[in-house]
Amino acid sequence: MICASCGGLVEWQGPMSNLTHTLCLSCGAINNQVVEEPEEEYLEDEDRE
């Protein structure tokens, strides 16, 4: 994932059984990742089912 503020690498944080938030490894921002929109082709495939 990519940080919305600085473009740095974002990783999930917390124990593996309960990942609670994301953290930018460059600037330290919490829960500030770029949200990836689903591709239109993928959405069209779901509508057919």
N, C-alpha and C. Protein backbone atom coordinates (compact mmCIF):
# COMPACT_ATOMS: atom_id res chain seq x y z
N MET A 1 0.84 -1.17 0.00
CA MET A 1 0.00 0.00 0.00
C MET A 1 0.89 1.24 0.00
N ILE A 2 0.31 2.36 -0.41
CA ILE A 2 1.06 3.61 -0.54
C ILE A 2 0.43 4.67 0.36
N CYS A 3 1.27 5.47 1.01
CA CYS A 3 0.81 6.54 1.88
C CYS A 3 0.24 7.69 1.05
N ALA A 4 -0.91 8.21 1.45
CA ALA A 4 -1.54 9.33 0.74
C ALA A 4 -0.77 10.63 0.94
N SER A 5 -0.02 10.75 2.02
CA SER A 5 0.70 11.98 2.32
C SER A 5 2.06 12.07 1.63
N CYS A 6 2.87 11.01 1.78
CA CYS A 6 4.25 11.09 1.29
C CYS A 6 4.58 10.09 0.19
N GLY A 7 3.69 9.13 -0.08
CA GLY A 7 3.97 8.13 -1.09
C GLY A 7 4.82 6.98 -0.59
N GLY A 8 5.08 6.94 0.71
CA GLY A 8 5.91 5.89 1.30
C GLY A 8 5.16 4.57 1.44
N LEU A 9 5.89 3.56 1.85
CA LEU A 9 5.34 2.22 2.03
C LEU A 9 4.50 2.16 3.29
N VAL A 10 3.30 1.58 3.19
CA VAL A 10 2.38 1.44 4.32
C VAL A 10 2.22 -0.04 4.63
N GLU A 11 2.30 -0.39 5.92
CA GLU A 11 2.14 -1.78 6.35
C GLU A 11 1.08 -1.88 7.44
N TRP A 12 0.43 -3.06 7.51
CA TRP A 12 -0.51 -3.34 8.59
C TRP A 12 0.28 -3.50 9.87
N GLN A 13 -0.31 -3.10 11.01
CA GLN A 13 0.33 -3.18 12.31
C GLN A 13 -0.58 -3.93 13.28
N GLY A 14 0.02 -4.55 14.29
CA GLY A 14 -0.69 -5.30 15.31
C GLY A 14 -0.37 -6.77 15.19
N PRO A 15 -0.85 -7.56 16.16
CA PRO A 15 -0.61 -9.01 16.10
C PRO A 15 -1.33 -9.62 14.89
N MET A 16 -0.80 -10.70 14.36
CA MET A 16 -1.38 -11.33 13.17
C MET A 16 -2.84 -11.71 13.35
N SER A 17 -3.25 -12.00 14.55
CA SER A 17 -4.64 -12.39 14.79
C SER A 17 -5.57 -11.19 14.89
N ASN A 18 -4.99 -9.96 14.96
CA ASN A 18 -5.82 -8.77 15.12
C ASN A 18 -5.10 -7.55 14.56
N LEU A 19 -4.97 -7.48 13.22
CA LEU A 19 -4.33 -6.33 12.60
C LEU A 19 -5.26 -5.13 12.80
N THR A 20 -4.75 -4.08 13.47
CA THR A 20 -5.63 -3.01 13.92
C THR A 20 -5.55 -1.72 13.11
N HIS A 21 -4.41 -1.45 12.48
CA HIS A 21 -4.25 -0.19 11.75
C HIS A 21 -3.08 -0.31 10.77
N THR A 22 -2.96 0.71 9.92
CA THR A 22 -1.81 0.76 9.02
C THR A 22 -0.89 1.89 9.45
N LEU A 23 0.39 1.76 9.10
CA LEU A 23 1.40 2.73 9.49
C LEU A 23 2.33 2.97 8.31
N CYS A 24 2.56 4.25 7.98
CA CYS A 24 3.53 4.58 6.93
C CYS A 24 4.93 4.47 7.51
N LEU A 25 5.79 3.72 6.85
CA LEU A 25 7.15 3.51 7.33
C LEU A 25 8.04 4.73 7.11
N SER A 26 7.60 5.67 6.25
CA SER A 26 8.39 6.87 5.98
C SER A 26 8.05 8.03 6.91
N CYS A 27 6.75 8.39 6.97
CA CYS A 27 6.36 9.58 7.74
C CYS A 27 5.62 9.26 9.03
N GLY A 28 5.24 8.00 9.25
CA GLY A 28 4.58 7.61 10.48
C GLY A 28 3.08 7.84 10.52
N ALA A 29 2.48 8.23 9.39
CA ALA A 29 1.03 8.46 9.35
C ALA A 29 0.28 7.16 9.61
N ILE A 30 -0.82 7.26 10.34
CA ILE A 30 -1.63 6.09 10.68
C ILE A 30 -2.92 6.12 9.87
N ASN A 31 -3.28 4.97 9.28
CA ASN A 31 -4.50 4.82 8.47
C ASN A 31 -4.61 5.89 7.40
N ASN A 32 -3.55 6.11 6.66
CA ASN A 32 -3.51 7.16 5.65
C ASN A 32 -3.09 6.60 4.29
N GLN A 33 -3.52 5.39 3.96
CA GLN A 33 -3.14 4.77 2.70
C GLN A 33 -4.07 5.20 1.57
N VAL A 34 -3.55 5.12 0.35
CA VAL A 34 -4.35 5.40 -0.84
C VAL A 34 -5.31 4.23 -1.05
N VAL A 35 -6.59 4.54 -1.22
CA VAL A 35 -7.59 3.50 -1.43
C VAL A 35 -7.61 3.16 -2.91
N GLU A 36 -7.43 1.89 -3.21
CA GLU A 36 -7.44 1.43 -4.60
C GLU A 36 -8.87 1.11 -5.00
N GLU A 37 -9.34 1.75 -6.06
CA GLU A 37 -10.69 1.50 -6.56
C GLU A 37 -10.70 0.19 -7.35
N PRO A 38 -11.76 -0.62 -7.22
CA PRO A 38 -11.85 -1.86 -8.02
C PRO A 38 -11.93 -1.53 -9.51
N GLU A 39 -11.36 -2.39 -10.31
CA GLU A 39 -11.37 -2.18 -11.75
C GLU A 39 -12.78 -2.40 -12.29
N GLU A 40 -13.15 -1.64 -13.33
CA GLU A 40 -14.49 -1.74 -13.90
C GLU A 40 -14.78 -3.15 -14.41
N GLU A 41 -13.81 -3.78 -15.04
CA GLU A 41 -14.01 -5.12 -15.58
C GLU A 41 -14.37 -6.10 -14.46
N TYR A 42 -13.72 -5.98 -13.32
CA TYR A 42 -13.99 -6.85 -12.18
C TYR A 42 -15.42 -6.61 -11.68
N LEU A 43 -15.84 -5.35 -11.61
CA LEU A 43 -17.19 -5.04 -11.15
C LEU A 43 -18.24 -5.60 -12.10
N GLU A 44 -17.99 -5.53 -13.41
CA GLU A 44 -18.94 -6.05 -14.39
C GLU A 44 -19.09 -7.56 -14.25
N ASP A 45 -18.00 -8.27 -13.95
CA ASP A 45 -18.05 -9.72 -13.77
C ASP A 45 -18.92 -10.08 -12.56
N GLU A 46 -18.84 -9.30 -11.49
CA GLU A 46 -19.64 -9.57 -10.30
C GLU A 46 -21.13 -9.36 -10.58
N ASP A 47 -21.46 -8.36 -11.40
CA ASP A 47 -22.86 -8.06 -11.71
C ASP A 47 -23.53 -9.20 -12.48
N ARG A 48 -22.76 -9.95 -13.24
CA ARG A 48 -23.31 -11.04 -14.06
C ARG A 48 -23.72 -12.23 -13.23
N GLU A 49 -23.13 -12.40 -12.06
CA GLU A 49 -23.40 -13.59 -11.22
C GLU A 49 -24.71 -13.49 -10.51
